[in-house]
Amino acid sequence: MSWPPPPADGQSASPTGPASQSRAIVPRFDPCYTCTVAYEIRLSEDARRHLRRFSRRETRTILDRIQEALRNEPRTETRNLKRLRPNPLSKYELKIGDFRAFFEVLDESREVLVLAIGRKEGNRLWIGGREVNL
Protein backbone atom coordinates (compact mmCIF):
# COMPACT_ATOMS: atom_id res chain seq x y z
CA MET A 1 0.00 0.00 0.00
CA SER A 2 1.36 3.42 -0.88
CA TRP A 3 1.37 6.44 1.36
CA PRO A 4 -0.55 8.67 1.36
CA PRO A 5 -3.53 6.56 0.30
CA PRO A 6 -5.49 7.76 -2.74
CA PRO A 7 -8.43 10.04 -1.95
CA ALA A 8 -11.67 8.16 -1.43
CA ASP A 9 -13.98 10.90 -2.66
CA GLY A 10 -12.49 11.25 -6.16
CA GLN A 11 -10.68 14.52 -5.43
CA SER A 12 -7.33 15.32 -6.92
CA ALA A 13 -4.35 13.45 -5.48
CA SER A 14 -1.93 16.21 -6.45
CA PRO A 15 0.17 17.78 -3.68
CA THR A 16 -1.54 21.14 -4.21
CA GLY A 17 -5.08 19.83 -4.41
CA PRO A 18 -7.71 19.90 -1.65
CA ALA A 19 -6.97 16.30 -0.54
CA SER A 20 -3.40 17.13 0.48
CA GLN A 21 -4.48 20.15 2.48
CA SER A 22 -6.80 18.15 4.71
CA ARG A 23 -4.34 15.49 5.85
CA ALA A 24 -0.79 15.65 7.07
CA ILE A 25 1.80 13.60 5.27
CA VAL A 26 3.50 11.25 7.67
CA PRO A 27 6.99 10.09 6.66
CA ARG A 28 7.66 6.40 6.47
CA PHE A 29 8.94 5.05 9.73
CA ASP A 30 10.52 1.68 10.37
CA PRO A 31 9.50 0.84 13.97
CA CYS A 32 12.32 -1.67 14.32
CA TYR A 33 14.93 1.02 13.79
CA THR A 34 14.58 2.13 17.42
CA CYS A 35 13.64 -1.26 18.87
CA THR A 36 15.70 -2.88 21.57
CA VAL A 37 15.47 -6.47 22.62
CA ALA A 38 13.52 -6.52 25.85
CA TYR A 39 14.79 -8.20 28.98
CA GLU A 40 12.76 -11.00 30.50
CA ILE A 41 11.74 -10.22 34.07
CA ARG A 42 11.75 -13.06 36.58
CA LEU A 43 10.86 -13.08 40.26
CA SER A 44 12.86 -15.16 42.72
CA GLU A 45 10.99 -17.38 45.15
CA ASP A 46 11.82 -14.90 47.93
CA ALA A 47 10.37 -12.02 45.91
CA ARG A 48 7.19 -14.03 45.28
CA ARG A 49 6.91 -14.69 49.00
CA HIS A 50 7.44 -10.98 49.75
CA LEU A 51 4.61 -10.03 47.36
CA ARG A 52 2.14 -12.17 49.33
CA ARG A 53 2.43 -9.69 52.22
CA PHE A 54 0.86 -6.90 50.11
CA SER A 55 -2.72 -6.37 48.96
CA ARG A 56 -3.73 -7.35 45.44
CA ARG A 57 -3.83 -3.72 44.41
CA GLU A 58 -0.34 -3.06 45.79
CA THR A 59 0.96 -6.22 44.14
CA ARG A 60 -0.50 -5.21 40.76
CA THR A 61 1.03 -1.72 41.06
CA ILE A 62 4.44 -3.15 41.98
CA LEU A 63 4.45 -5.70 39.14
CA ASP A 64 3.26 -3.15 36.56
CA ARG A 65 5.97 -0.65 37.53
CA ILE A 66 8.67 -3.34 37.54
CA GLN A 67 7.63 -4.39 34.03
CA GLU A 68 7.46 -0.79 32.79
CA ALA A 69 10.77 0.35 34.29
CA LEU A 70 12.98 -2.69 33.77
CA ARG A 71 11.88 -4.25 30.49
CA ASN A 72 14.10 -2.26 28.10
CA GLU A 73 16.84 -0.40 30.00
CA PRO A 74 17.29 -1.94 33.46
CA ARG A 75 20.73 -0.37 33.99
CA THR A 76 19.83 3.22 33.11
CA GLU A 77 19.71 5.24 36.32
CA THR A 78 16.68 7.48 36.78
CA ARG A 79 15.05 9.25 39.69
CA ASN A 80 13.49 5.94 40.76
CA LEU A 81 16.17 3.46 39.69
CA LYS A 82 19.67 3.50 41.09
CA ARG A 83 22.73 1.34 41.51
CA LEU A 84 23.43 0.53 45.14
CA ARG A 85 26.69 0.47 47.03
CA PRO A 86 27.99 -3.08 47.54
CA ASN A 87 25.63 -4.96 49.85
CA PRO A 88 24.49 -8.55 50.40
CA LEU A 89 21.03 -7.96 48.90
CA SER A 90 21.40 -6.72 45.29
CA LYS A 91 23.09 -4.32 42.89
CA TYR A 92 20.06 -2.22 41.91
CA GLU A 93 16.99 -0.70 43.56
CA LEU A 94 13.73 0.45 41.96
CA LYS A 95 11.55 2.86 43.95
CA ILE A 96 7.81 2.35 43.54
CA GLY A 97 6.18 4.84 45.90
CA ASP A 98 6.72 3.41 49.40
CA PHE A 99 7.85 0.09 47.93
CA ARG A 100 11.32 -1.01 46.86
CA ALA A 101 12.26 -3.75 44.41
CA PHE A 102 15.84 -5.06 44.51
CA PHE A 103 17.18 -6.74 41.40
CA GLU A 104 20.17 -7.91 39.39
CA VAL A 105 20.68 -7.78 35.62
CA LEU A 106 21.86 -10.95 33.87
CA ASP A 107 23.17 -9.78 30.49
CA GLU A 108 24.09 -13.22 29.13
CA SER A 109 20.48 -14.39 29.23
CA ARG A 110 18.89 -10.88 28.91
CA GLU A 111 17.05 -11.33 32.20
CA VAL A 112 16.27 -9.12 35.16
CA LEU A 113 16.03 -11.16 38.35
CA VAL A 114 13.99 -9.47 41.10
CA LEU A 115 15.48 -10.72 44.37
CA ALA A 116 13.44 -8.91 47.03
CA ILE A 117 10.49 -6.55 47.40
CA GLY A 118 9.89 -4.48 50.50
CA ARG A 119 8.19 -1.43 51.98
CA LYS A 120 9.99 1.73 53.06
CA GLU A 121 8.61 3.45 56.17
CA GLY A 122 10.55 6.62 56.89
CA ASN A 123 14.19 5.57 56.97
CA ARG A 124 13.36 1.92 57.74
CA LEU A 125 13.08 -0.84 55.13
CA TRP A 126 10.89 -3.88 55.78
CA ILE A 127 11.31 -6.98 53.63
CA GLY A 128 9.34 -10.12 54.39
CA GLY A 129 8.22 -8.79 57.78
CA ARG A 130 11.78 -8.06 58.95
CA GLU A 131 13.68 -4.81 59.11
CA VAL A 132 16.66 -4.78 56.79
CA ASN A 133 19.71 -2.50 56.98
CA LEU A 134 21.55 -1.93 53.73
C-alpha atoms as a PDB file:
ATOM      1  CA  MET A   1       0.000   0.000   0.000  1.00  0.00           C
ATOM      2  CA  SER A   2       1.358   3.418  -0.883  1.00  0.00           C
ATOM      3  CA  TRP A   3       1.373   6.436   1.360  1.00  0.00           C
ATOM      4  CA  PRO A   4      -0.550   8.667   1.364  1.00  0.00           C
ATOM      5  CA  PRO A   5      -3.528   6.561   0.296  1.00  0.00           C
ATOM      6  CA  PRO A   6      -5.490   7.756  -2.742  1.00  0.00           C
ATOM      7  CA  PRO A   7      -8.425  10.041  -1.951  1.00  0.00           C
ATOM      8  CA  ALA A   8     -11.671   8.158  -1.428  1.00  0.00           C
ATOM      9  CA  ASP A   9     -13.979  10.901  -2.655  1.00  0.00           C
ATOM     10  CA  GLY A  10     -12.493  11.253  -6.157  1.00  0.00           C
ATOM     11  CA  GLN A  11     -10.684  14.522  -5.428  1.00  0.00           C
ATOM     12  CA  SER A  12      -7.326  15.317  -6.924  1.00  0.00           C
ATOM     13  CA  ALA A  13      -4.355  13.445  -5.483  1.00  0.00           C
ATOM     14  CA  SER A  14      -1.935  16.211  -6.447  1.00  0.00           C
ATOM     15  CA  PRO A  15       0.174  17.775  -3.679  1.00  0.00           C
ATOM     16  CA  THR A  16      -1.537  21.136  -4.207  1.00  0.00           C
ATOM     17  CA  GLY A  17      -5.081  19.835  -4.414  1.00  0.00           C
ATOM     18  CA  PRO A  18      -7.706  19.896  -1.649  1.00  0.00           C
ATOM     19  CA  ALA A  19      -6.970  16.301  -0.543  1.00  0.00           C
ATOM     20  CA  SER A  20      -3.398  17.131   0.477  1.00  0.00           C
ATOM     21  CA  GLN A  21      -4.483  20.154   2.484  1.00  0.00           C
ATOM     22  CA  SER A  22      -6.804  18.154   4.710  1.00  0.00           C
ATOM     23  CA  ARG A  23      -4.339  15.490   5.848  1.00  0.00           C
ATOM     24  CA  ALA A  24      -0.791  15.653   7.074  1.00  0.00           C
ATOM     25  CA  ILE A  25       1.800  13.600   5.265  1.00  0.00           C
ATOM     26  CA  VAL A  26       3.503  11.249   7.674  1.00  0.00           C
ATOM     27  CA  PRO A  27       6.989  10.092   6.663  1.00  0.00           C
ATOM     28  CA  ARG A  28       7.655   6.404   6.470  1.00  0.00           C
ATOM     29  CA  PHE A  29       8.938   5.046   9.734  1.00  0.00           C
ATOM     30  CA  ASP A  30      10.516   1.682  10.369  1.00  0.00           C
ATOM     31  CA  PRO A  31       9.496   0.840  13.967  1.00  0.00           C
ATOM     32  CA  CYS A  32      12.316  -1.675  14.321  1.00  0.00           C
ATOM     33  CA  TYR A  33      14.931   1.022  13.788  1.00  0.00           C
ATOM     34  CA  THR A  34      14.575   2.126  17.418  1.00  0.00           C
ATOM     35  CA  CYS A  35      13.644  -1.257  18.873  1.00  0.00           C
ATOM     36  CA  THR A  36      15.704  -2.878  21.569  1.00  0.00           C
ATOM     37  CA  VAL A  37      15.471  -6.467  22.617  1.00  0.00           C
ATOM     38  CA  ALA A  38      13.518  -6.524  25.851  1.00  0.00           C
ATOM     39  CA  TYR A  39      14.787  -8.198  28.981  1.00  0.00           C
ATOM     40  CA  GLU A  40      12.757 -10.999  30.499  1.00  0.00           C
ATOM     41  CA  ILE A  41      11.738 -10.218  34.069  1.00  0.00           C
ATOM     42  CA  ARG A  42      11.753 -13.057  36.584  1.00  0.00           C
ATOM     43  CA  LEU A  43      10.856 -13.078  40.265  1.00  0.00           C
ATOM     44  CA  SER A  44      12.864 -15.159  42.721  1.00  0.00           C
ATOM     45  CA  GLU A  45      10.987 -17.376  45.155  1.00  0.00           C
ATOM     46  CA  ASP A  46      11.819 -14.900  47.932  1.00  0.00           C
ATOM     47  CA  ALA A  47      10.372 -12.015  45.906  1.00  0.00           C
ATOM     48  CA  ARG A  48       7.186 -14.028  45.278  1.00  0.00           C
ATOM     49  CA  ARG A  49       6.913 -14.686  48.997  1.00  0.00           C
ATOM     50  CA  HIS A  50       7.438 -10.984  49.755  1.00  0.00           C
ATOM     51  CA  LEU A  51       4.608 -10.034  47.361  1.00  0.00           C
ATOM     52  CA  ARG A  52       2.145 -12.170  49.326  1.00  0.00           C
ATOM     53  CA  ARG A  53       2.425  -9.690  52.215  1.00  0.00           C
ATOM     54  CA  PHE A  54       0.856  -6.904  50.106  1.00  0.00           C
ATOM     55  CA  SER A  55      -2.725  -6.366  48.965  1.00  0.00           C
ATOM     56  CA  ARG A  56      -3.727  -7.348  45.435  1.00  0.00           C
ATOM     57  CA  ARG A  57      -3.833  -3.716  44.406  1.00  0.00           C
ATOM     58  CA  GLU A  58      -0.343  -3.060  45.792  1.00  0.00           C
ATOM     59  CA  THR A  59       0.964  -6.219  44.139  1.00  0.00           C
ATOM     60  CA  ARG A  60      -0.496  -5.215  40.758  1.00  0.00           C
ATOM     61  CA  THR A  61       1.029  -1.720  41.062  1.00  0.00           C
ATOM     62  CA  ILE A  62       4.440  -3.150  41.981  1.00  0.00           C
ATOM     63  CA  LEU A  63       4.454  -5.696  39.143  1.00  0.00           C
ATOM     64  CA  ASP A  64       3.261  -3.152  36.565  1.00  0.00           C
ATOM     65  CA  ARG A  65       5.967  -0.651  37.534  1.00  0.00           C
ATOM     66  CA  ILE A  66       8.666  -3.344  37.540  1.00  0.00           C
ATOM     67  CA  GLN A  67       7.628  -4.387  34.028  1.00  0.00           C
ATOM     68  CA  GLU A  68       7.462  -0.791  32.791  1.00  0.00           C
ATOM     69  CA  ALA A  69      10.771   0.352  34.291  1.00  0.00           C
ATOM     70  CA  LEU A  70      12.976  -2.691  33.769  1.00  0.00           C
ATOM     71  CA  ARG A  71      11.876  -4.250  30.487  1.00  0.00           C
ATOM     72  CA  ASN A  72      14.101  -2.255  28.105  1.00  0.00           C
ATOM     73  CA  GLU A  73      16.841  -0.402  30.002  1.00  0.00           C
ATOM     74  CA  PRO A  74      17.292  -1.942  33.457  1.00  0.00           C
ATOM     75  CA  ARG A  75      20.729  -0.368  33.994  1.00  0.00           C
ATOM     76  CA  THR A  76      19.828   3.218  33.106  1.00  0.00           C
ATOM     77  CA  GLU A  77      19.706   5.241  36.317  1.00  0.00           C
ATOM     78  CA  THR A  78      16.681   7.475  36.784  1.00  0.00           C
ATOM     79  CA  ARG A  79      15.052   9.253  39.693  1.00  0.00           C
ATOM     80  CA  ASN A  80      13.494   5.936  40.757  1.00  0.00           C
ATOM     81  CA  LEU A  81      16.175   3.457  39.688  1.00  0.00           C
ATOM     82  CA  LYS A  82      19.669   3.500  41.089  1.00  0.00           C
ATOM     83  CA  ARG A  83      22.728   1.336  41.510  1.00  0.00           C
ATOM     84  CA  LEU A  84      23.430   0.526  45.143  1.00  0.00           C
ATOM     85  CA  ARG A  85      26.689   0.474  47.032  1.00  0.00           C
ATOM     86  CA  PRO A  86      27.990  -3.076  47.537  1.00  0.00           C
ATOM     87  CA  ASN A  87      25.629  -4.961  49.852  1.00  0.00           C
ATOM     88  CA  PRO A  88      24.486  -8.553  50.397  1.00  0.00           C
ATOM     89  CA  LEU A  89      21.027  -7.964  48.898  1.00  0.00           C
ATOM     90  CA  SER A  90      21.401  -6.718  45.295  1.00  0.00           C
ATOM     91  CA  LYS A  91      23.090  -4.321  42.893  1.00  0.00           C
ATOM     92  CA  TYR A  92      20.064  -2.221  41.915  1.00  0.00           C
ATOM     93  CA  GLU A  93      16.989  -0.701  43.557  1.00  0.00           C
ATOM     94  CA  LEU A  94      13.734   0.446  41.965  1.00  0.00           C
ATOM     95  CA  LYS A  95      11.549   2.855  43.954  1.00  0.00           C
ATOM     96  CA  ILE A  96       7.811   2.350  43.539  1.00  0.00           C
ATOM     97  CA  GLY A  97       6.177   4.842  45.904  1.00  0.00           C
ATOM     98  CA  ASP A  98       6.721   3.411  49.396  1.00  0.00           C
ATOM     99  CA  PHE A  99       7.847   0.093  47.934  1.00  0.00           C
ATOM    100  CA  ARG A 100      11.323  -1.007  46.855  1.00  0.00           C
ATOM    101  CA  ALA A 101      12.262  -3.751  44.409  1.00  0.00           C
ATOM    102  CA  PHE A 102      15.837  -5.058  44.512  1.00  0.00           C
ATOM    103  CA  PHE A 103      17.176  -6.737  41.401  1.00  0.00           C
ATOM    104  CA  GLU A 104      20.172  -7.910  39.389  1.00  0.00           C
ATOM    105  CA  VAL A 105      20.679  -7.778  35.624  1.00  0.00           C
ATOM    106  CA  LEU A 106      21.856 -10.947  33.867  1.00  0.00           C
ATOM    107  CA  ASP A 107      23.175  -9.781  30.493  1.00  0.00           C
ATOM    108  CA  GLU A 108      24.088 -13.225  29.126  1.00  0.00           C
ATOM    109  CA  SER A 109      20.477 -14.387  29.229  1.00  0.00           C
ATOM    110  CA  ARG A 110      18.893 -10.885  28.909  1.00  0.00           C
ATOM    111  CA  GLU A 111      17.053 -11.326  32.197  1.00  0.00           C
ATOM    112  CA  VAL A 112      16.274  -9.119  35.156  1.00  0.00           C
ATOM    113  CA  LEU A 113      16.028 -11.155  38.354  1.00  0.00           C
ATOM    114  CA  VAL A 114      13.993  -9.474  41.104  1.00  0.00           C
ATOM    115  CA  LEU A 115      15.485 -10.716  44.368  1.00  0.00           C
ATOM    116  CA  ALA A 116      13.445  -8.913  47.035  1.00  0.00           C
ATOM    117  CA  ILE A 117      10.494  -6.547  47.403  1.00  0.00           C
ATOM    118  CA  GLY A 118       9.888  -4.481  50.500  1.00  0.00           C
ATOM    119  CA  ARG A 119       8.191  -1.433  51.983  1.00  0.00           C
ATOM    120  CA  LYS A 120       9.988   1.727  53.060  1.00  0.00           C
ATOM    121  CA  GLU A 121       8.613   3.454  56.168  1.00  0.00           C
ATOM    122  CA  GLY A 122      10.551   6.622  56.886  1.00  0.00           C
ATOM    123  CA  ASN A 123      14.191   5.565  56.968  1.00  0.00           C
ATOM    124  CA  ARG A 124      13.364   1.918  57.736  1.00  0.00           C
ATOM    125  CA  LEU A 125      13.083  -0.837  55.134  1.00  0.00           C
ATOM    126  CA  TRP A 126      10.887  -3.876  55.777  1.00  0.00           C
ATOM    127  CA  ILE A 127      11.313  -6.980  53.628  1.00  0.00           C
ATOM    128  CA  GLY A 128       9.337 -10.124  54.389  1.00  0.00           C
ATOM    129  CA  GLY A 129       8.225  -8.788  57.780  1.00  0.00           C
ATOM    130  CA  ARG A 130      11.781  -8.058  58.947  1.00  0.00           C
ATOM    131  CA  GLU A 131      13.676  -4.808  59.112  1.00  0.00           C
ATOM    132  CA  VAL A 132      16.662  -4.778  56.786  1.00  0.00           C
ATOM    133  CA  ASN A 133      19.713  -2.501  56.978  1.00  0.00           C
ATOM    134  CA  LEU A 134      21.550  -1.927  53.725  1.00  0.00           C
END
